[in-house]
Amino acid sequence: MKGGNDGSRSVLFPNQAARYTPLMQKLLITIGIVLLVAGLLWPVLSKLGLVRLPGDIVIRREGFSFYFPITTMVIVSIVLTLIFRFWGK
């Protein structure tokens, strides 16, 4: 039957969904823990001076301020890459 729905087309088979569910759960729990730890350590990090690093862009004008943490993002990216690389092995 041309153009008909014969049931052979499916976006995601049930066994594939079951296979990816534990991975998604692990990922969401890990992201939640990382955000929780970052939130708890935020006051400590701000006192250590790790919040505004050289290379971060700060623009202050009258009635306006803009902060773009380029250096902080690069350092966080490197640290997270190392953590996930060692965690994956």
C-alpha atoms as a PDB file:
ATOM      1  CA  MET A   1       0.000   0.000   0.000  1.00  0.00           C
ATOM      2  CA  LYS A   2       1.601   3.247  -1.136  1.00  0.00           C
ATOM      3  CA  GLY A   3       1.660   6.140   1.299  1.00  0.00           C
ATOM      4  CA  GLY A   4      -0.236   4.184   3.905  1.00  0.00           C
ATOM      5  CA  ASN A   5       0.664   3.726   7.522  1.00  0.00           C
ATOM      6  CA  ASP A   6       1.801   0.139   7.819  1.00  0.00           C
ATOM      7  CA  GLY A   7       3.328   0.625  11.265  1.00  0.00           C
ATOM      8  CA  SER A   8       6.896   0.066  10.100  1.00  0.00           C
ATOM      9  CA  ARG A   9       7.959   3.672  10.658  1.00  0.00           C
ATOM     10  CA  SER A  10       8.658   4.677  14.231  1.00  0.00           C
ATOM     11  CA  VAL A  11      10.717   7.542  15.570  1.00  0.00           C
ATOM     12  CA  LEU A  12      11.901   5.775  18.697  1.00  0.00           C
ATOM     13  CA  PHE A  13      11.465   2.106  19.454  1.00  0.00           C
ATOM     14  CA  PRO A  14      10.524   1.214  23.042  1.00  0.00           C
ATOM     15  CA  ASN A  15      13.736  -0.759  23.611  1.00  0.00           C
ATOM     16  CA  GLN A  16      15.803   2.268  22.532  1.00  0.00           C
ATOM     17  CA  ALA A  17      13.971   4.514  24.992  1.00  0.00           C
ATOM     18  CA  ALA A  18      14.661   2.027  27.783  1.00  0.00           C
ATOM     19  CA  ARG A  19      18.325   1.973  26.828  1.00  0.00           C
ATOM     20  CA  TYR A  20      18.750   5.775  27.025  1.00  0.00           C
ATOM     21  CA  THR A  21      16.659   6.355  30.166  1.00  0.00           C
ATOM     22  CA  PRO A  22      19.413   5.473  32.729  1.00  0.00           C
ATOM     23  CA  LEU A  23      21.881   7.684  30.852  1.00  0.00           C
ATOM     24  CA  MET A  24      19.489  10.647  30.922  1.00  0.00           C
ATOM     25  CA  GLN A  25      18.767  10.112  34.612  1.00  0.00           C
ATOM     26  CA  LYS A  26      22.486  10.020  35.405  1.00  0.00           C
ATOM     27  CA  LEU A  27      23.101  13.168  33.346  1.00  0.00           C
ATOM     28  CA  LEU A  28      20.271  15.141  34.981  1.00  0.00           C
ATOM     29  CA  ILE A  29      21.326  14.106  38.488  1.00  0.00           C
ATOM     30  CA  THR A  30      24.940  15.071  37.753  1.00  0.00           C
ATOM     31  CA  ILE A  31      23.934  18.474  36.378  1.00  0.00           C
ATOM     32  CA  GLY A  32      21.750  19.056  39.435  1.00  0.00           C
ATOM     33  CA  ILE A  33      24.587  18.167  41.818  1.00  0.00           C
ATOM     34  CA  VAL A  34      27.027  20.421  39.955  1.00  0.00           C
ATOM     35  CA  LEU A  35      24.584  23.339  40.120  1.00  0.00           C
ATOM     36  CA  LEU A  36      23.940  22.692  43.809  1.00  0.00           C
ATOM     37  CA  VAL A  37      27.656  22.615  44.634  1.00  0.00           C
ATOM     38  CA  ALA A  38      28.301  25.735  42.547  1.00  0.00           C
ATOM     39  CA  GLY A  39      25.497  27.545  44.352  1.00  0.00           C
ATOM     40  CA  LEU A  40      26.819  26.531  47.750  1.00  0.00           C
ATOM     41  CA  LEU A  41      30.400  27.496  46.868  1.00  0.00           C
ATOM     42  CA  TRP A  42      29.487  30.813  45.224  1.00  0.00           C
ATOM     43  CA  PRO A  43      30.091  32.954  48.357  1.00  0.00           C
ATOM     44  CA  VAL A  44      33.474  31.269  48.894  1.00  0.00           C
ATOM     45  CA  LEU A  45      34.495  31.715  45.262  1.00  0.00           C
ATOM     46  CA  SER A  46      33.558  35.390  45.277  1.00  0.00           C
ATOM     47  CA  LYS A  47      35.722  35.985  48.372  1.00  0.00           C
ATOM     48  CA  LEU A  48      38.686  34.229  46.728  1.00  0.00           C
ATOM     49  CA  GLY A  49      38.535  36.539  43.728  1.00  0.00           C
ATOM     50  CA  LEU A  50      37.729  33.791  41.237  1.00  0.00           C
ATOM     51  CA  VAL A  51      34.660  35.595  39.972  1.00  0.00           C
ATOM     52  CA  ARG A  52      36.197  38.559  38.161  1.00  0.00           C
ATOM     53  CA  LEU A  53      39.385  37.408  36.485  1.00  0.00           C
ATOM     54  CA  PRO A  54      41.662  39.392  34.182  1.00  0.00           C
ATOM     55  CA  GLY A  55      40.289  39.022  30.679  1.00  0.00           C
ATOM     56  CA  ASP A  56      36.648  39.229  31.711  1.00  0.00           C
ATOM     57  CA  ILE A  57      34.907  42.093  29.937  1.00  0.00           C
ATOM     58  CA  VAL A  58      33.292  44.675  32.200  1.00  0.00           C
ATOM     59  CA  ILE A  59      31.615  47.775  30.752  1.00  0.00           C
ATOM     60  CA  ARG A  60      30.187  50.338  33.165  1.00  0.00           C
ATOM     61  CA  ARG A  61      28.293  53.385  32.025  1.00  0.00           C
ATOM     62  CA  GLU A  62      25.898  55.663  33.785  1.00  0.00           C
ATOM     63  CA  GLY A  63      22.791  53.584  34.458  1.00  0.00           C
ATOM     64  CA  PHE A  64      24.223  50.530  32.674  1.00  0.00           C
ATOM     65  CA  SER A  65      26.713  47.780  33.397  1.00  0.00           C
ATOM     66  CA  PHE A  66      27.667  44.764  31.306  1.00  0.00           C
ATOM     67  CA  TYR A  67      29.744  41.811  32.477  1.00  0.00           C
ATOM     68  CA  PHE A  68      30.946  39.079  30.092  1.00  0.00           C
ATOM     69  CA  PRO A  69      33.172  36.521  31.875  1.00  0.00           C
ATOM     70  CA  ILE A  70      35.251  35.191  28.971  1.00  0.00           C
ATOM     71  CA  THR A  71      38.226  34.041  31.067  1.00  0.00           C
ATOM     72  CA  THR A  72      35.994  32.528  33.725  1.00  0.00           C
ATOM     73  CA  MET A  73      34.063  30.590  31.065  1.00  0.00           C
ATOM     74  CA  VAL A  74      37.287  29.245  29.530  1.00  0.00           C
ATOM     75  CA  ILE A  75      38.579  28.080  32.929  1.00  0.00           C
ATOM     76  CA  VAL A  76      35.233  26.477  33.834  1.00  0.00           C
ATOM     77  CA  SER A  77      35.160  24.776  30.432  1.00  0.00           C
ATOM     78  CA  ILE A  78      38.657  23.349  30.898  1.00  0.00           C
ATOM     79  CA  VAL A  79      37.878  22.112  34.408  1.00  0.00           C
ATOM     80  CA  LEU A  80      34.601  20.492  33.325  1.00  0.00           C
ATOM     81  CA  THR A  81      36.299  18.892  30.317  1.00  0.00           C
ATOM     82  CA  LEU A  82      38.940  17.342  32.561  1.00  0.00           C
ATOM     83  CA  ILE A  83      36.335  16.158  35.083  1.00  0.00           C
ATOM     84  CA  PHE A  84      34.146  14.534  32.434  1.00  0.00           C
ATOM     85  CA  ARG A  85      37.128  13.044  30.604  1.00  0.00           C
ATOM     86  CA  PHE A  86      38.377  11.314  33.749  1.00  0.00           C
ATOM     87  CA  TRP A  87      34.823  10.458  34.867  1.00  0.00           C
ATOM     88  CA  GLY A  88      34.095   8.742  31.539  1.00  0.00           C
ATOM     89  CA  LYS A  89      37.043   6.340  31.784  1.00  0.00           C
END
